[in-house]
Amino acid sequence: MSCGEPHETDCSEVLSEVWLFLDHECDERRKELLQTHLEECHPCLEEYGIEEHLKALLAKKCGGELAPEQLKERLRARIHEVTVEIEVEVEVRTTSE
């Protein structure tokens, strides 16, 4: 995904790392880059908002239990796959227009 505006950090890169940002699993420099991008880019901010609400819902429904590492890895892999599929779909639409 790309909003079409120039950013220091690409939209697709930000969205692929939004869970790391939400879980505070990235270093301070990366956190600042992602935060800056989200503040500048409305489409990504909207996507981030959806992710944030989903995470809150999952936390509420899972009772705060920690997920097994294997489940986390499978979820990260699937999220990455979907992100790549969306990027390809957007690129195909863009080039065919």
N, C-alpha and C. Protein backbone atom coordinates (compact mmCIF):
# COMPACT_ATOMS: atom_id res chain seq x y z
N MET A 1 0.84 -1.18 0.00
CA MET A 1 0.00 0.00 0.00
C MET A 1 0.88 1.23 0.00
N SER A 2 0.44 2.23 -0.71
CA SER A 2 1.12 3.51 -0.71
C SER A 2 0.08 4.60 -0.89
N CYS A 3 0.22 5.67 -0.14
CA CYS A 3 -0.74 6.77 -0.24
C CYS A 3 -0.39 7.69 -1.40
N GLY A 4 0.79 7.48 -2.01
CA GLY A 4 1.21 8.30 -3.13
C GLY A 4 2.02 9.52 -2.72
N GLU A 5 2.13 9.77 -1.44
CA GLU A 5 2.91 10.90 -0.93
C GLU A 5 4.30 10.41 -0.54
N PRO A 6 5.31 11.25 -0.70
CA PRO A 6 6.66 10.84 -0.29
C PRO A 6 6.82 10.88 1.23
N HIS A 7 7.36 9.83 1.79
CA HIS A 7 7.62 9.73 3.22
C HIS A 7 9.01 9.14 3.42
N GLU A 8 9.60 9.43 4.55
CA GLU A 8 10.90 8.84 4.88
C GLU A 8 10.78 7.32 4.96
N THR A 9 9.66 6.84 5.49
CA THR A 9 9.41 5.42 5.62
C THR A 9 8.20 5.07 4.75
N ASP A 10 8.33 4.09 3.86
CA ASP A 10 7.28 3.70 2.93
C ASP A 10 6.05 3.18 3.67
N CYS A 11 4.86 3.48 3.13
CA CYS A 11 3.60 3.06 3.74
C CYS A 11 3.54 1.55 3.97
N SER A 12 3.91 0.76 2.98
CA SER A 12 3.82 -0.70 3.12
C SER A 12 4.74 -1.18 4.23
N GLU A 13 5.88 -0.53 4.37
CA GLU A 13 6.82 -0.89 5.43
C GLU A 13 6.22 -0.59 6.80
N VAL A 14 5.58 0.57 6.91
CA VAL A 14 4.96 0.96 8.18
C VAL A 14 3.85 -0.02 8.55
N LEU A 15 2.99 -0.33 7.58
CA LEU A 15 1.87 -1.22 7.88
C LEU A 15 2.32 -2.64 8.19
N SER A 16 3.43 -3.06 7.59
CA SER A 16 3.92 -4.41 7.90
C SER A 16 4.51 -4.48 9.30
N GLU A 17 4.86 -3.32 9.87
CA GLU A 17 5.46 -3.28 11.20
C GLU A 17 4.54 -2.70 12.26
N VAL A 18 3.28 -2.45 11.90
CA VAL A 18 2.38 -1.80 12.85
C VAL A 18 2.20 -2.62 14.13
N TRP A 19 2.21 -3.95 14.02
CA TRP A 19 2.06 -4.79 15.23
C TRP A 19 3.28 -4.65 16.13
N LEU A 20 4.46 -4.58 15.54
CA LEU A 20 5.66 -4.38 16.36
C LEU A 20 5.58 -3.04 17.09
N PHE A 21 5.07 -2.03 16.39
CA PHE A 21 4.90 -0.71 16.99
C PHE A 21 3.89 -0.77 18.13
N LEU A 22 2.74 -1.41 17.88
CA LEU A 22 1.69 -1.51 18.90
C LEU A 22 2.16 -2.29 20.13
N ASP A 23 2.98 -3.30 19.90
CA ASP A 23 3.46 -4.14 21.00
C ASP A 23 4.74 -3.61 21.64
N HIS A 24 5.18 -2.45 21.18
CA HIS A 24 6.42 -1.83 21.71
C HIS A 24 7.60 -2.79 21.56
N GLU A 25 7.68 -3.46 20.41
CA GLU A 25 8.74 -4.43 20.16
C GLU A 25 9.79 -3.92 19.19
N CYS A 26 9.78 -2.62 18.90
CA CYS A 26 10.81 -2.07 18.02
C CYS A 26 11.68 -1.09 18.82
N ASP A 27 12.89 -0.88 18.32
CA ASP A 27 13.79 0.02 19.04
C ASP A 27 13.29 1.47 18.96
N GLU A 28 13.88 2.32 19.76
CA GLU A 28 13.41 3.71 19.88
C GLU A 28 13.47 4.46 18.54
N ARG A 29 14.54 4.26 17.77
CA ARG A 29 14.67 4.95 16.48
C ARG A 29 13.55 4.52 15.53
N ARG A 30 13.30 3.21 15.46
CA ARG A 30 12.24 2.71 14.58
C ARG A 30 10.87 3.19 15.04
N LYS A 31 10.67 3.21 16.35
CA LYS A 31 9.41 3.68 16.92
C LYS A 31 9.15 5.13 16.48
N GLU A 32 10.19 5.97 16.54
CA GLU A 32 10.04 7.37 16.15
C GLU A 32 9.72 7.51 14.66
N LEU A 33 10.39 6.71 13.81
CA LEU A 33 10.11 6.75 12.37
C LEU A 33 8.66 6.34 12.07
N LEU A 34 8.21 5.26 12.72
CA LEU A 34 6.84 4.79 12.50
C LEU A 34 5.83 5.81 13.02
N GLN A 35 6.08 6.37 14.19
CA GLN A 35 5.19 7.37 14.78
C GLN A 35 5.09 8.60 13.87
N THR A 36 6.23 9.07 13.37
CA THR A 36 6.24 10.23 12.48
C THR A 36 5.42 9.95 11.23
N HIS A 37 5.62 8.78 10.65
CA HIS A 37 4.88 8.42 9.44
C HIS A 37 3.38 8.40 9.73
N LEU A 38 2.98 7.78 10.83
CA LEU A 38 1.55 7.68 11.16
C LEU A 38 0.95 9.06 11.39
N GLU A 39 1.72 9.97 11.93
CA GLU A 39 1.23 11.34 12.15
C GLU A 39 1.07 12.10 10.83
N GLU A 40 1.88 11.76 9.82
CA GLU A 40 1.86 12.46 8.53
C GLU A 40 0.90 11.84 7.52
N CYS A 41 0.61 10.57 7.65
CA CYS A 41 -0.08 9.82 6.60
C CYS A 41 -1.46 9.36 7.06
N HIS A 42 -2.48 10.04 6.58
CA HIS A 42 -3.86 9.73 7.00
C HIS A 42 -4.29 8.29 6.66
N PRO A 43 -4.02 7.77 5.44
CA PRO A 43 -4.41 6.38 5.15
C PRO A 43 -3.78 5.36 6.11
N CYS A 44 -2.51 5.56 6.41
CA CYS A 44 -1.85 4.64 7.34
C CYS A 44 -2.39 4.80 8.75
N LEU A 45 -2.69 6.03 9.12
CA LEU A 45 -3.25 6.28 10.45
C LEU A 45 -4.60 5.58 10.59
N GLU A 46 -5.40 5.61 9.53
CA GLU A 46 -6.68 4.91 9.55
C GLU A 46 -6.46 3.41 9.73
N GLU A 47 -5.52 2.86 8.98
CA GLU A 47 -5.19 1.43 9.09
C GLU A 47 -4.69 1.11 10.48
N TYR A 48 -3.85 1.97 11.02
CA TYR A 48 -3.32 1.80 12.38
C TYR A 48 -4.46 1.80 13.38
N GLY A 49 -5.43 2.68 13.20
CA GLY A 49 -6.57 2.73 14.11
C GLY A 49 -7.34 1.42 14.12
N ILE A 50 -7.50 0.84 12.94
CA ILE A 50 -8.18 -0.45 12.85
C ILE A 50 -7.39 -1.51 13.59
N GLU A 51 -6.08 -1.53 13.36
CA GLU A 51 -5.21 -2.50 14.02
C GLU A 51 -5.26 -2.32 15.54
N GLU A 52 -5.25 -1.07 15.98
CA GLU A 52 -5.26 -0.79 17.42
C GLU A 52 -6.55 -1.31 18.06
N HIS A 53 -7.69 -1.09 17.39
CA HIS A 53 -8.96 -1.58 17.91
C HIS A 53 -9.01 -3.11 17.92
N LEU A 54 -8.47 -3.73 16.87
CA LEU A 54 -8.43 -5.19 16.81
C LEU A 54 -7.58 -5.74 17.96
N LYS A 55 -6.44 -5.13 18.20
CA LYS A 55 -5.57 -5.59 19.27
C LYS A 55 -6.27 -5.46 20.63
N ALA A 56 -6.97 -4.36 20.85
CA ALA A 56 -7.70 -4.15 22.10
C ALA A 56 -8.79 -5.21 22.28
N LEU A 57 -9.49 -5.51 21.19
CA LEU A 57 -10.53 -6.53 21.24
C LEU A 57 -9.94 -7.90 21.56
N LEU A 58 -8.83 -8.24 20.91
CA LEU A 58 -8.18 -9.52 21.18
C LEU A 58 -7.72 -9.62 22.63
N ALA A 59 -7.15 -8.54 23.14
CA ALA A 59 -6.68 -8.53 24.53
C ALA A 59 -7.85 -8.73 25.49
N LYS A 60 -8.97 -8.08 25.19
CA LYS A 60 -10.15 -8.20 26.04
C LYS A 60 -10.71 -9.62 26.02
N LYS A 61 -10.81 -10.19 24.83
CA LYS A 61 -11.39 -11.52 24.68
C LYS A 61 -10.46 -12.64 25.14
N CYS A 62 -9.16 -12.42 25.09
CA CYS A 62 -8.21 -13.45 25.49
C CYS A 62 -7.87 -13.37 26.97
N GLY A 63 -8.45 -12.45 27.69
CA GLY A 63 -8.26 -12.36 29.13
C GLY A 63 -6.84 -12.01 29.55
N GLY A 64 -6.07 -11.42 28.66
CA GLY A 64 -4.73 -11.00 29.02
C GLY A 64 -3.70 -12.12 29.04
N GLU A 65 -4.08 -13.33 28.64
CA GLU A 65 -3.12 -14.43 28.62
C GLU A 65 -2.12 -14.20 27.49
N LEU A 66 -0.90 -14.63 27.71
CA LEU A 66 0.13 -14.51 26.67
C LEU A 66 -0.04 -15.64 25.67
N ALA A 67 0.04 -15.28 24.40
CA ALA A 67 -0.08 -16.28 23.34
C ALA A 67 1.22 -17.05 23.23
N PRO A 68 1.13 -18.34 22.87
CA PRO A 68 2.36 -19.12 22.65
C PRO A 68 3.17 -18.52 21.51
N GLU A 69 4.48 -18.62 21.60
CA GLU A 69 5.37 -18.03 20.60
C GLU A 69 5.08 -18.59 19.20
N GLN A 70 4.76 -19.87 19.11
CA GLN A 70 4.46 -20.48 17.81
C GLN A 70 3.23 -19.82 17.17
N LEU A 71 2.22 -19.52 17.96
CA LEU A 71 1.03 -18.84 17.45
C LEU A 71 1.39 -17.43 16.97
N LYS A 72 2.20 -16.73 17.74
CA LYS A 72 2.63 -15.38 17.35
C LYS A 72 3.35 -15.41 16.00
N GLU A 73 4.22 -16.38 15.83
CA GLU A 73 4.97 -16.49 14.58
C GLU A 73 4.04 -16.78 13.40
N ARG A 74 3.07 -17.67 13.60
CA ARG A 74 2.12 -17.98 12.53
C ARG A 74 1.29 -16.75 12.16
N LEU A 75 0.87 -16.00 13.18
CA LEU A 75 0.09 -14.79 12.92
C LEU A 75 0.92 -13.74 12.19
N ARG A 76 2.17 -13.55 12.62
CA ARG A 76 3.05 -12.59 11.94
C ARG A 76 3.25 -12.98 10.48
N ALA A 77 3.45 -14.28 10.24
CA ALA A 77 3.66 -14.76 8.87
C ALA A 77 2.41 -14.51 8.02
N ARG A 78 1.26 -14.79 8.58
CA ARG A 78 0.00 -14.59 7.83
C ARG A 78 -0.25 -13.11 7.56
N ILE A 79 0.00 -12.27 8.54
CA ILE A 79 -0.16 -10.83 8.34
C ILE A 79 0.77 -10.34 7.24
N HIS A 80 1.99 -10.85 7.24
CA HIS A 80 2.95 -10.48 6.19
C HIS A 80 2.44 -10.93 4.83
N GLU A 81 1.92 -12.15 4.73
CA GLU A 81 1.40 -12.67 3.46
C GLU A 81 0.27 -11.79 2.94
N VAL A 82 -0.65 -11.43 3.82
CA VAL A 82 -1.79 -10.60 3.42
C VAL A 82 -1.32 -9.22 2.98
N THR A 83 -0.35 -8.66 3.69
CA THR A 83 0.19 -7.35 3.32
C THR A 83 0.80 -7.41 1.93
N VAL A 84 1.55 -8.45 1.64
CA VAL A 84 2.16 -8.60 0.31
C VAL A 84 1.08 -8.77 -0.75
N GLU A 85 0.05 -9.56 -0.46
CA GLU A 85 -1.04 -9.75 -1.42
C GLU A 85 -1.73 -8.42 -1.74
N ILE A 86 -1.95 -7.61 -0.71
CA ILE A 86 -2.60 -6.31 -0.91
C ILE A 86 -1.70 -5.40 -1.74
N GLU A 87 -0.40 -5.41 -1.46
CA GLU A 87 0.54 -4.58 -2.23
C GLU A 87 0.51 -4.98 -3.70
N VAL A 88 0.52 -6.27 -3.98
CA VAL A 88 0.50 -6.75 -5.36
C VAL A 88 -0.80 -6.34 -6.03
N GLU A 89 -1.90 -6.47 -5.32
CA GLU A 89 -3.20 -6.10 -5.86
C GLU A 89 -3.24 -4.61 -6.21
N VAL A 90 -2.71 -3.77 -5.33
CA VAL A 90 -2.67 -2.33 -5.57
C VAL A 90 -1.78 -2.02 -6.77
N GLU A 91 -0.62 -2.68 -6.86
CA GLU A 91 0.29 -2.46 -7.98
C GLU A 91 -0.34 -2.86 -9.30
N VAL A 92 -1.07 -3.98 -9.32
CA VAL A 92 -1.73 -4.44 -10.53
C VAL A 92 -2.78 -3.43 -10.97
N ARG A 93 -3.57 -2.94 -10.02
CA ARG A 93 -4.59 -1.95 -10.34
C ARG A 93 -3.96 -0.66 -10.85
N THR A 94 -2.88 -0.25 -10.22
CA THR A 94 -2.21 0.99 -10.61
C THR A 94 -1.64 0.90 -12.01
N THR A 95 -1.01 -0.22 -12.34
CA THR A 95 -0.39 -0.37 -13.65
C THR A 95 -1.42 -0.58 -14.76
N SER A 96 -2.59 -1.10 -14.41
CA SER A 96 -3.61 -1.34 -15.45
C SER A 96 -4.45 -0.11 -15.73
N GLU A 97 -4.32 0.92 -14.93
CA GLU A 97 -5.12 2.13 -15.14
C GLU A 97 -4.53 3.02 -16.13
